[in-house]
Each structure stands twice: as structure tokens, then as C-alpha cells.
Amino acid sequence: MAHVAVDANNAVLGLSLVRFREEMLSHEPSAHLEVLAVAREAEGKGIGRALIVAAENAAQERGALTMTLHVFANNTRARYVYEKLGYSGEIIRYIKDL
């Protein structure tokens, strides 16, 4: 499922892409936010937040009980938005260059 935000001239400001899948541990119906992208010139205007809310509403209408997503630990701006929308961290992945 995809959502696209456009301006008055139909220029793309952002998009989200959600995939439906079974929740990994509970096996309940779930959705995963695969992609959230906002054009640089549209950042800070609530476009990302609006896309997430639209995706959540559509996923809930289709029977999803939860929504998951991945975010890089150093992406503090995105993490702040997700946490304000009620998301909480669950798994921390560690990596080391060899």
C-alpha cells in the first residue's frame, strides 16, 4: 500500500510504502512501514507525520493490529517523530566493521 503527498502543482512532496505481514512474535495481522521519504524542501512541514498517520489508518482499516518500522539509531529527527506518534524501540542491532 502506498500513499503519496503532492503540492498544488502535483509535485511529489513525500511517499510511504507499507507491506502487510504477520507480526513476528504474536503472529497477529500487522503492517510494516517499508519506506517513508520526504522531499528535502518539504522537511519540517508535517508531511512525514501525515503520511504515517494515513498509513496507520489504512492499515488498521485492513485489519492490521500493529505497525512496525526500522530507523537508523543516529536518525534522531525521525526517531523523535516516531516516538511522538507512539512508537517505541524494541530491538537494537549491533554491527562492527572487520
Protein backbone atom coordinates (compact mmCIF):
# COMPACT_ATOMS: atom_id res chain seq x y z
CA MET A 1 0.00 0.00 0.00
CA ALA A 2 1.37 3.41 -0.93
CA HIS A 3 0.50 6.98 -0.02
CA VAL A 4 1.83 9.99 -1.90
CA ALA A 5 1.77 13.62 -0.74
CA VAL A 6 1.70 16.22 -3.51
CA ASP A 7 1.53 20.01 -3.63
CA ALA A 8 -0.95 22.16 -5.58
CA ASN A 9 1.07 21.57 -8.76
CA ASN A 10 1.12 17.79 -8.24
CA ALA A 11 4.83 17.82 -7.38
CA VAL A 12 5.63 14.89 -5.10
CA LEU A 13 6.47 16.01 -1.55
CA GLY A 14 6.69 12.58 0.05
CA LEU A 15 5.61 8.98 -0.02
CA SER A 16 5.12 5.98 2.21
CA LEU A 17 5.06 2.30 1.36
CA VAL A 18 3.54 -0.27 3.71
CA ARG A 19 3.65 -4.05 3.46
CA PHE A 20 1.21 -6.29 5.29
CA ARG A 21 2.64 -9.27 7.11
CA GLU A 22 2.17 -11.42 10.16
CA GLU A 23 3.69 -9.99 13.36
CA MET A 24 6.92 -11.85 14.03
CA LEU A 25 6.25 -12.97 17.61
CA SER A 26 2.47 -12.87 18.09
CA HIS A 27 1.57 -13.94 14.52
CA GLU A 28 -1.24 -11.35 14.54
CA PRO A 29 -2.03 -9.26 11.45
CA SER A 30 0.48 -6.43 11.18
CA ALA A 31 1.82 -3.83 8.79
CA HIS A 32 5.40 -2.68 8.25
CA LEU A 33 6.37 0.80 7.10
CA GLU A 34 8.94 -0.13 4.45
CA VAL A 35 9.58 3.37 3.07
CA LEU A 36 8.97 6.89 4.30
CA ALA A 37 10.55 9.61 2.18
CA VAL A 38 10.02 13.36 2.24
CA ALA A 39 11.47 15.80 -0.28
CA ARG A 40 14.20 17.97 1.23
CA GLU A 41 12.24 21.16 0.54
CA ALA A 42 9.19 19.71 2.35
CA GLU A 43 11.01 18.61 5.51
CA GLY A 44 9.70 20.02 8.78
CA LYS A 45 6.23 20.74 7.40
CA GLY A 46 4.41 17.70 8.83
CA ILE A 47 4.41 15.73 5.57
CA GLY A 48 6.09 12.67 7.10
CA ARG A 49 3.77 12.70 10.09
CA ALA A 50 0.71 12.97 7.81
CA LEU A 51 1.93 10.08 5.66
CA ILE A 52 2.48 7.90 8.73
CA VAL A 53 -0.97 8.67 10.12
CA ALA A 54 -2.58 7.93 6.74
CA ALA A 55 -0.66 4.65 6.52
CA GLU A 56 -1.66 3.67 10.07
CA ASN A 57 -5.34 4.42 9.41
CA ALA A 58 -5.37 2.45 6.17
CA ALA A 59 -3.52 -0.47 7.78
CA GLN A 60 -5.99 -0.54 10.66
CA GLU A 61 -8.91 -0.50 8.21
CA ARG A 62 -7.36 -3.56 6.54
CA GLY A 63 -7.14 -5.43 9.85
CA ALA A 64 -3.58 -4.77 11.00
CA LEU A 65 -3.27 -4.67 14.77
CA THR A 66 0.25 -3.21 14.83
CA MET A 67 2.63 -1.23 12.63
CA THR A 68 6.39 -1.73 12.72
CA LEU A 69 9.26 0.19 11.12
CA HIS A 70 13.04 0.37 11.11
CA VAL A 71 15.08 3.51 11.71
CA PHE A 72 18.81 4.14 11.98
CA ALA A 73 19.90 4.84 15.56
CA ASN A 74 21.56 8.11 14.55
CA ASN A 75 18.43 9.43 12.81
CA THR A 76 17.31 11.36 15.86
CA ARG A 77 14.85 13.55 13.95
CA ALA A 78 12.91 10.56 12.62
CA ARG A 79 13.07 8.78 15.97
CA TYR A 80 11.61 11.85 17.67
CA VAL A 81 8.66 11.89 15.22
CA TYR A 82 8.04 8.15 15.62
CA GLU A 83 8.14 8.38 19.41
CA LYS A 84 5.75 11.36 19.39
CA LEU A 85 3.37 9.18 17.34
CA GLY A 86 3.52 6.42 19.97
CA TYR A 87 6.19 4.09 18.56
CA SER A 88 8.71 2.55 20.93
CA GLY A 89 12.03 0.84 20.33
CA GLU A 90 12.11 -2.92 20.51
CA ILE A 91 15.34 -4.30 19.03
CA ILE A 92 18.84 -2.87 18.83
CA ARG A 93 21.12 -4.28 16.15
CA TYR A 94 24.88 -4.02 16.57
CA ILE A 95 27.40 -4.07 13.72
CA LYS A 96 31.19 -3.90 13.56
CA ASP A 97 33.39 -3.31 10.53
CA LEU A 98 36.05 -6.00 10.25
